[in-house]
Protein backbone atom coordinates (compact mmCIF):
# COMPACT_ATOMS: atom_id res chain seq x y z
CA MET A 1 0.01 -0.08 0.09
CA ARG A 2 2.66 2.21 1.08
CA ASN A 3 4.72 1.75 -2.13
CA SER A 4 1.54 2.14 -4.18
CA LEU A 5 1.04 5.72 -2.61
CA ILE A 6 4.74 6.49 -3.35
CA ARG A 7 4.36 5.60 -7.09
CA LEU A 8 1.11 7.62 -7.34
CA THR A 9 2.66 10.72 -5.84
CA ARG A 10 5.64 10.40 -8.18
CA TRP A 11 3.31 10.73 -11.22
CA PRO A 12 3.86 14.18 -12.63
CA VAL A 13 0.29 14.88 -13.29
CA ILE A 14 -0.84 14.36 -9.67
CA GLY A 15 0.29 17.54 -8.40
CA PRO A 16 -1.38 19.75 -11.12
CA LEU A 17 -4.46 17.80 -10.65
CA ILE A 18 -4.53 18.57 -6.96
CA SER A 19 -3.97 22.19 -7.72
CA LEU A 20 -6.85 22.14 -10.27
CA ILE A 21 -9.25 20.73 -7.84
CA LEU A 22 -8.26 23.00 -5.11
CA VAL A 23 -8.45 26.08 -7.57
CA SER A 24 -11.97 24.90 -8.61
CA VAL A 25 -13.21 24.59 -5.11
CA VAL A 26 -11.91 28.13 -4.23
CA VAL A 27 -13.38 29.56 -7.29
CA GLY A 28 -16.72 27.75 -6.82
CA LEU A 29 -16.84 29.24 -3.28
CA THR A 30 -16.35 32.92 -4.21
CA THR A 31 -19.20 32.77 -6.76
CA ASN A 32 -22.12 30.61 -7.48
CA ARG A 33 -21.76 31.11 -11.17
CA PHE A 34 -18.70 29.09 -11.77
CA TRP A 35 -20.58 25.55 -11.59
CA ILE A 36 -23.24 26.68 -14.07
CA PRO A 37 -23.10 24.57 -17.20
CA ASP A 38 -23.11 27.52 -19.59
CA ASN A 39 -19.91 28.83 -17.88
CA LEU A 40 -18.27 25.41 -17.63
CA ASN A 41 -18.96 25.04 -21.53
CA ASN A 42 -17.35 28.39 -22.09
CA LEU A 43 -14.39 27.52 -19.77
CA ALA A 44 -13.58 24.46 -21.68
CA LEU A 45 -14.01 26.19 -25.08
CA GLN A 46 -11.53 28.91 -23.74
CA ALA A 47 -8.85 26.35 -22.47
CA SER A 48 -8.69 24.59 -25.74
CA ILE A 49 -7.00 27.45 -27.40
CA VAL A 50 -4.57 27.54 -24.43
CA ALA A 51 -4.05 24.04 -24.08
CA ILE A 52 -3.18 23.64 -28.07
CA VAL A 53 -0.61 26.50 -27.81
CA GLY A 54 0.83 24.80 -24.69
CA ILE A 55 1.88 21.96 -26.66
CA GLY A 56 4.04 23.93 -28.81
CA SER A 57 5.39 26.01 -25.97
CA THR A 58 6.09 22.83 -23.90
CA LEU A 59 8.26 21.23 -26.96
CA VAL A 60 10.25 24.54 -26.95
CA ILE A 61 10.69 24.50 -23.04
CA ILE A 62 11.94 21.10 -23.03
CA THR A 63 14.88 22.00 -25.27
CA GLY A 64 15.65 24.53 -22.94
CA GLY A 65 14.28 27.56 -25.00
CA ILE A 66 11.34 29.81 -24.84
CA ASP A 67 8.68 31.13 -27.44
CA LEU A 68 7.25 34.39 -27.00
CA SER A 69 5.69 34.69 -30.28
CA PRO A 70 2.32 32.47 -30.53
CA GLY A 71 -0.09 35.47 -29.49
CA SER A 72 1.27 37.64 -32.23
CA ALA A 73 1.39 34.76 -34.66
CA ILE A 74 -2.38 34.03 -33.70
CA ALA A 75 -3.09 37.72 -34.59
CA LEU A 76 -1.41 37.58 -37.90
CA LEU A 77 -2.91 34.12 -39.08
CA THR A 78 -6.49 35.09 -38.11
CA MET A 79 -6.08 38.29 -40.44
CA ILE A 80 -4.55 35.91 -43.20
CA MET A 81 -7.33 33.55 -42.87
CA ALA A 82 -10.01 36.23 -42.71
CA GLN A 83 -8.58 37.84 -45.80
CA LEU A 84 -8.50 34.37 -47.86
CA ILE A 85 -11.85 33.53 -47.16
CA LYS A 86 -13.86 36.77 -47.24
CA THR A 87 -11.66 38.63 -49.71
CA ASN A 88 -10.41 36.04 -52.03
CA GLY A 89 -13.35 33.64 -51.77
CA ILE A 90 -11.11 30.53 -51.01
CA PRO A 91 -13.05 27.78 -49.55
CA VAL A 92 -12.48 27.19 -45.61
CA PRO A 93 -10.90 23.93 -45.62
CA GLU A 94 -8.22 25.43 -48.25
CA ALA A 95 -7.80 28.42 -46.25
CA ILE A 96 -7.20 26.41 -43.30
CA VAL A 97 -4.33 24.20 -45.00
CA ILE A 98 -2.77 27.31 -46.13
CA VAL A 99 -2.93 28.93 -42.92
CA LEU A 100 -1.24 25.99 -41.26
CA PHE A 101 1.44 25.97 -43.76
CA ILE A 102 2.26 29.57 -43.15
CA SER A 103 2.36 28.99 -39.39
CA ALA A 104 4.93 26.07 -39.79
CA LEU A 105 7.00 28.66 -42.02
CA MET A 106 6.77 31.26 -39.03
CA GLY A 107 7.82 28.62 -36.65
CA ALA A 108 10.52 27.69 -39.04
CA PHE A 109 11.85 31.22 -39.00
CA ASN A 110 12.05 31.35 -35.31
CA GLY A 111 13.91 28.00 -35.29
CA LEU A 112 16.34 29.16 -38.09
CA LEU A 113 17.41 32.05 -36.19
CA ALA A 114 17.40 30.32 -32.74
CA SER A 115 19.12 27.05 -33.74
CA TYR A 116 21.55 27.81 -36.84
CA GLY A 117 21.76 31.47 -36.19
CA ARG A 118 22.63 30.71 -32.60
CA ILE A 119 20.65 33.61 -31.33
CA PRO A 120 18.92 33.19 -27.93
CA SER A 121 15.38 31.91 -28.17
CA PHE A 122 14.25 34.63 -25.96
CA ILE A 123 15.70 37.32 -28.09
CA VAL A 124 14.41 35.58 -31.44
CA THR A 125 10.95 35.22 -30.20
CA LEU A 126 10.75 38.65 -28.58
CA ALA A 127 11.71 40.28 -32.03
CA THR A 128 9.01 38.18 -33.89
CA MET A 129 6.58 38.72 -31.46
CA ASN A 130 6.71 42.39 -32.45
CA ILE A 131 7.16 41.69 -36.20
CA PHE A 132 4.06 39.31 -36.55
CA ARG A 133 2.00 41.94 -34.50
CA GLY A 134 3.13 44.64 -36.92
CA ILE A 135 2.57 42.74 -40.17
CA ALA A 136 -0.86 41.81 -38.78
CA PHE A 137 -1.72 45.61 -38.64
CA LEU A 138 -0.69 46.05 -42.32
CA PHE A 139 -3.77 43.76 -43.23
CA ASN A 140 -7.00 45.73 -43.92
CA ASN A 141 -5.48 49.07 -42.67
CA GLY A 142 -5.13 47.59 -39.18
CA SER A 143 -8.84 47.19 -38.88
CA PRO A 144 -10.48 43.68 -37.69
CA ILE A 145 -12.34 41.79 -40.48
CA PHE A 146 -15.72 40.55 -39.23
CA SER A 147 -18.42 38.05 -40.44
CA VAL A 148 -15.86 35.91 -42.51
CA SER A 149 -17.93 33.12 -43.40
CA PRO A 150 -21.10 31.41 -42.01
CA SER A 151 -19.56 28.02 -42.77
CA LEU A 152 -16.58 28.76 -40.35
CA GLU A 153 -18.15 28.79 -36.96
CA PRO A 154 -19.23 24.92 -36.98
CA TRP A 155 -15.42 24.33 -36.85
CA PHE A 156 -15.35 25.64 -33.29
CA TYR A 157 -19.03 25.52 -31.97
CA GLY A 158 -19.95 22.05 -33.77
CA LYS A 159 -20.56 19.25 -31.47
CA LEU A 160 -20.10 15.44 -31.64
CA PHE A 161 -22.23 13.04 -29.47
CA GLY A 162 -23.23 16.38 -27.60
CA VAL A 163 -19.48 17.15 -26.76
CA ALA A 164 -18.07 20.45 -28.23
CA LEU A 165 -15.50 19.80 -31.09
CA PRO A 166 -12.69 21.63 -29.44
CA LEU A 167 -12.30 18.92 -26.88
CA PHE A 168 -11.93 16.42 -29.25
CA TYR A 169 -9.26 18.53 -30.91
CA VAL A 170 -7.50 19.00 -27.66
CA LEU A 171 -7.67 15.16 -26.78
CA ILE A 172 -6.40 14.14 -30.30
CA PHE A 173 -3.55 16.55 -30.41
CA TYR A 174 -2.37 15.79 -26.80
CA ALA A 175 -2.48 12.12 -27.62
CA VAL A 176 -0.49 12.81 -30.76
CA ALA A 177 2.19 14.84 -28.83
CA TRP A 178 2.50 12.49 -26.05
CA ALA A 179 3.15 9.56 -28.31
CA PHE A 180 5.69 11.67 -30.38
CA LEU A 181 7.60 12.62 -27.30
CA GLN A 182 7.30 9.18 -25.88
CA TYR A 183 7.84 6.78 -28.91
CA THR A 184 9.46 8.57 -31.77
CA PRO A 185 13.31 9.23 -32.10
CA THR A 186 12.75 12.88 -32.38
CA GLY A 187 10.70 13.26 -29.28
CA ARG A 188 13.43 11.71 -27.49
CA ARG A 189 16.25 13.77 -28.93
CA ILE A 190 14.05 16.85 -27.92
CA TYR A 191 14.33 15.52 -24.13
CA ALA A 192 18.06 14.86 -24.62
CA ILE A 193 19.29 18.19 -25.73
CA GLY A 194 17.26 19.92 -23.16
CA GLY A 195 18.70 17.69 -20.33
CA ASN A 196 22.29 17.75 -21.60
CA GLU A 197 23.04 19.60 -24.70
CA PRO A 198 26.89 18.77 -25.02
CA ALA A 199 26.12 15.05 -24.13
CA ALA A 200 23.66 14.97 -26.90
CA ARG A 201 25.78 16.59 -29.48
CA LEU A 202 28.54 14.09 -28.41
CA SER A 203 26.19 11.08 -28.83
CA GLY A 204 25.55 11.96 -32.50
CA ILE A 205 22.32 14.01 -32.09
CA ASP A 206 21.82 17.15 -34.46
CA VAL A 207 21.14 19.43 -31.82
CA HIS A 208 20.13 22.45 -34.41
CA GLN A 209 17.90 20.18 -36.37
CA THR A 210 16.05 19.10 -33.25
CA ARG A 211 15.68 22.41 -31.81
CA PHE A 212 14.52 23.92 -35.09
CA LEU A 213 11.79 20.92 -35.57
CA ALA A 214 10.67 21.99 -32.07
CA PHE A 215 10.01 25.58 -33.05
CA VAL A 216 8.32 24.36 -36.33
CA PHE A 217 5.78 22.27 -34.18
CA ALA A 218 5.39 25.39 -31.95
CA GLY A 219 4.34 27.51 -35.00
CA LEU A 220 2.06 24.85 -36.39
CA THR A 221 0.11 24.64 -32.89
CA ALA A 222 -0.14 28.44 -33.04
CA GLY A 223 -1.63 28.00 -36.54
CA ILE A 224 -4.11 25.54 -35.06
CA ALA A 225 -5.19 27.83 -32.47
CA SER A 226 -5.55 30.66 -34.81
CA VAL A 227 -7.96 28.49 -36.93
CA LEU A 228 -10.01 28.00 -33.60
CA MET A 229 -9.88 31.57 -32.84
CA THR A 230 -11.13 32.70 -36.23
CA ALA A 231 -13.82 30.15 -36.06
CA ARG A 232 -14.77 30.95 -32.52
CA LEU A 233 -15.14 34.71 -33.14
CA ASN A 234 -15.82 34.52 -36.94
CA SER A 235 -13.39 37.19 -37.55
CA GLY A 236 -9.82 38.08 -37.78
CA SER A 237 -8.16 41.02 -35.84
CA PRO A 238 -4.43 42.26 -35.37
CA ASN A 239 -5.53 42.58 -31.38
CA TYR A 240 -6.29 38.87 -30.93
CA GLY A 241 -3.98 36.45 -29.05
CA VAL A 242 -2.55 39.19 -26.62
CA GLY A 243 -1.29 37.31 -23.71
CA THR A 244 -1.60 33.90 -25.13
CA GLU A 245 2.13 33.31 -25.06
CA LEU A 246 2.08 33.92 -21.31
CA GLN A 247 -0.68 31.66 -20.69
CA ALA A 248 0.65 28.76 -22.72
CA ILE A 249 4.14 29.39 -20.91
CA GLY A 250 2.42 29.45 -17.67
CA ALA A 251 0.44 26.32 -18.61
CA ALA A 252 3.67 24.25 -19.19
CA VAL A 253 5.41 25.60 -16.08
CA VAL A 254 2.41 25.00 -13.86
CA GLY A 255 2.24 21.73 -15.12
CA GLY A 256 5.93 20.99 -13.99
CA ALA A 257 7.89 21.80 -17.14
CA SER A 258 11.31 22.84 -16.12
CA LEU A 259 12.54 26.22 -17.81
CA ALA A 260 16.07 24.96 -17.68
CA GLY A 261 15.08 22.28 -20.06
CA GLY A 262 14.93 18.48 -20.23
CA TYR A 263 11.71 17.89 -18.10
CA ALA A 264 8.23 18.27 -18.86
CA ASN A 265 5.00 16.20 -19.04
CA ILE A 266 2.68 17.06 -21.98
CA VAL A 267 -0.43 15.82 -20.08
CA ALA A 268 0.43 18.00 -17.13
CA THR A 269 0.58 20.84 -19.50
CA MET A 270 -2.97 20.29 -20.43
CA VAL A 271 -3.95 20.27 -16.68
CA GLY A 272 -1.84 23.61 -16.27
CA ALA A 273 -3.77 25.19 -18.89
CA LEU A 274 -7.11 24.32 -17.09
CA ILE A 275 -5.61 25.78 -13.87
CA ILE A 276 -4.80 29.07 -15.81
CA VAL A 277 -8.15 29.46 -17.47
CA VAL A 278 -10.06 28.40 -14.14
CA VAL A 279 -8.25 31.24 -12.35
CA GLN A 280 -8.98 33.88 -14.96
CA ASN A 281 -12.50 32.72 -15.17
CA GLY A 282 -12.95 33.02 -11.44
CA LEU A 283 -11.32 36.54 -11.67
CA ASN A 284 -13.77 37.43 -14.43
CA LEU A 285 -16.68 36.13 -12.55
CA ASN A 286 -15.71 38.24 -9.51
CA ALA A 287 -15.17 41.32 -11.57
CA VAL A 288 -11.68 41.61 -10.54
CA PRO A 289 -9.94 44.55 -12.82
CA THR A 290 -7.83 43.45 -15.69
CA SER A 291 -4.89 44.83 -13.95
CA TRP A 292 -5.19 42.49 -11.16
CA GLN A 293 -5.62 39.78 -13.33
CA ASN A 294 -2.37 40.21 -14.94
CA ILE A 295 -0.82 40.64 -11.69
CA THR A 296 -2.32 37.42 -10.57
CA LEU A 297 -1.24 35.57 -13.77
CA GLY A 298 2.20 36.81 -13.46
CA ALA A 299 2.41 35.82 -9.61
CA ILE A 300 1.25 32.12 -10.47
CA ILE A 301 4.12 31.99 -13.10
CA ALA A 302 6.70 33.39 -10.97
CA LEU A 303 5.46 30.82 -7.90
CA ALA A 304 5.61 27.94 -10.36
CA VAL A 305 9.07 28.83 -11.67
CA LEU A 306 10.29 29.25 -7.97
CA LEU A 307 9.02 25.85 -7.12
CA ASP A 308 10.90 24.63 -10.12
CA MET A 309 14.20 26.09 -9.02
CA TRP A 310 13.64 24.68 -5.65
CA ARG A 311 12.16 21.31 -6.61
CA SER A 312 15.17 19.34 -5.80
CA ASP A 313 15.71 20.80 -2.37
CA LEU A 314 12.07 20.45 -1.35
CA GLY A 315 12.04 17.00 -2.56
CA ARG A 316 14.93 16.03 -0.53
CA ALA A 317 13.34 17.78 2.42
CA ALA A 318 10.07 16.04 1.99
CA GLY A 319 11.93 12.74 1.75
CA HIS A 320 13.93 13.27 4.78
CA TRP A 321 10.81 14.33 6.82
CA PHE A 322 8.68 11.24 5.59
CA GLY A 323 11.62 8.86 6.28
CA ARG A 324 11.98 9.99 9.58
CA ALA A 325 8.25 9.55 10.31
CA PHE A 326 8.34 6.17 9.00
CA ARG A 327 11.49 5.24 11.13
CA ARG A 328 9.63 6.54 14.10
CA GLY A 329 6.48 4.59 13.23
CA GLN A 330 8.52 1.41 12.80
CA ALA A 331 10.35 2.08 16.12
CA SER A 332 7.03 2.53 18.06
CA LYS A 333 5.71 -0.95 16.69
CA ASP A 334 8.77 -2.76 17.56
CA GLY A 335 9.10 -1.17 21.06
CA GLY A 336 12.28 0.57 20.19
CA PRO A 337 13.56 4.15 21.36
CA GLY A 338 10.73 5.77 19.73
CA ALA A 339 7.94 3.57 21.50
CA PRO A 340 5.70 4.92 24.21
CA ALA A 341 7.17 4.52 27.84
CA ALA A 342 4.45 2.19 29.02
CA LYS A 343 5.38 -0.41 26.44
CA ARG A 344 8.99 -0.41 27.41
CA THR A 345 8.53 -0.76 30.98
CA ASN A 346 6.16 -3.93 30.43
CA ARG A 347 9.08 -5.69 28.56
CA PRO A 348 10.46 -8.70 30.46
CA ARG A 349 14.07 -7.85 31.92
C-alpha cells in the first residue's frame, strides 16, 4: 500500500491535478456562477486554445528555449485566414491548409534564427513577437475583418455526441504529442538536448535540427489555435492573441515543466492550461479588474518557476521528513527508542 502511494505521488500529473481541484473549489466558493453548465462549457472552449498553444510551448521549453511569439502569430494568422476566405473567396478547408502551412513557416523562421543563427530564443521570439503583430496591422489598414463566413463557426461550435468539437481537438492533439515525445526518435532527442546539450551532441544528435523542429511544431500549434480563434469569433483581428504566449508558458510551467529544459509532462501541461483558465475565469466572474488579473497570472508563473528552481531541495526535505516519520512509526511498533514508555516498562527484563 505504501509503495503504491509513493508511486502515485511520483506521477507528474498528480500535483497539477490536486492544484486544479483546489483552485476550482476556491473559485466555486467565491461565486455561485462558476458551476453553471454554460460557464463550464465556455471554460472548456477557452481552455482549448490555450492548451493547444501549450503543446508547442512545452516542446520548446523542453529543449531549453522559450517562445514568446504565439500570441502575435495568432493575430497575424487570423487576419490572413479572414482575408483568404472573405476577400479572396477561398473555401474554408483550403484556407485552413494555407494558414497551417504559413504557421509552420513562421515557426521555422524562429527555429532558423534560434538554432542555426545561434541567437538566444528569448531574443528571437521577442523580435518576432513584434514583427508578427506589426505585419498583422498591415492587413485591412489595421482594422478587424468581421463576419468572415457562416461555414466557419461550426468548426469551433459544432458538437459530436453532444460534446463540443474543441475538446476532441485537444484530446487528439495531446495524444499525438504524448506519443511523439515518448515513442519517436525525434521526441527522445528533444528531451536529450534539453537535459544535457553537450552530451547529446557527443552522442551524435543533430542539436540544431532537433531544436529547429521543435520551433516548427510550436508554429504549427499556433496555427491550429488561430484557426479555432477565427472560427470562434468569425473574424480576424490584429489585436487577437494578446497574452496567449504567457498563458501557454504558464500552463507548461504550472504543469511542472522545467525552464532549464529536459523535463516536462505533456499531459500535465493540459492540466496546467485548465488551472490558468479557471483562475482567470474566477477573476472575471468576481469582476476583478484586468490589471489585477495580469498581476495574478504573473504571480502564478513566478511561483511555479520558484517551485521549479527549488524542486530538488524541497523533494529532499520532504523525503527526509517522511523517512524520519516512517522510522519513528516502525520503532514505535517494535518497542524501540521511539516507543511509548508504557510499552518499554512492560517488556521482560
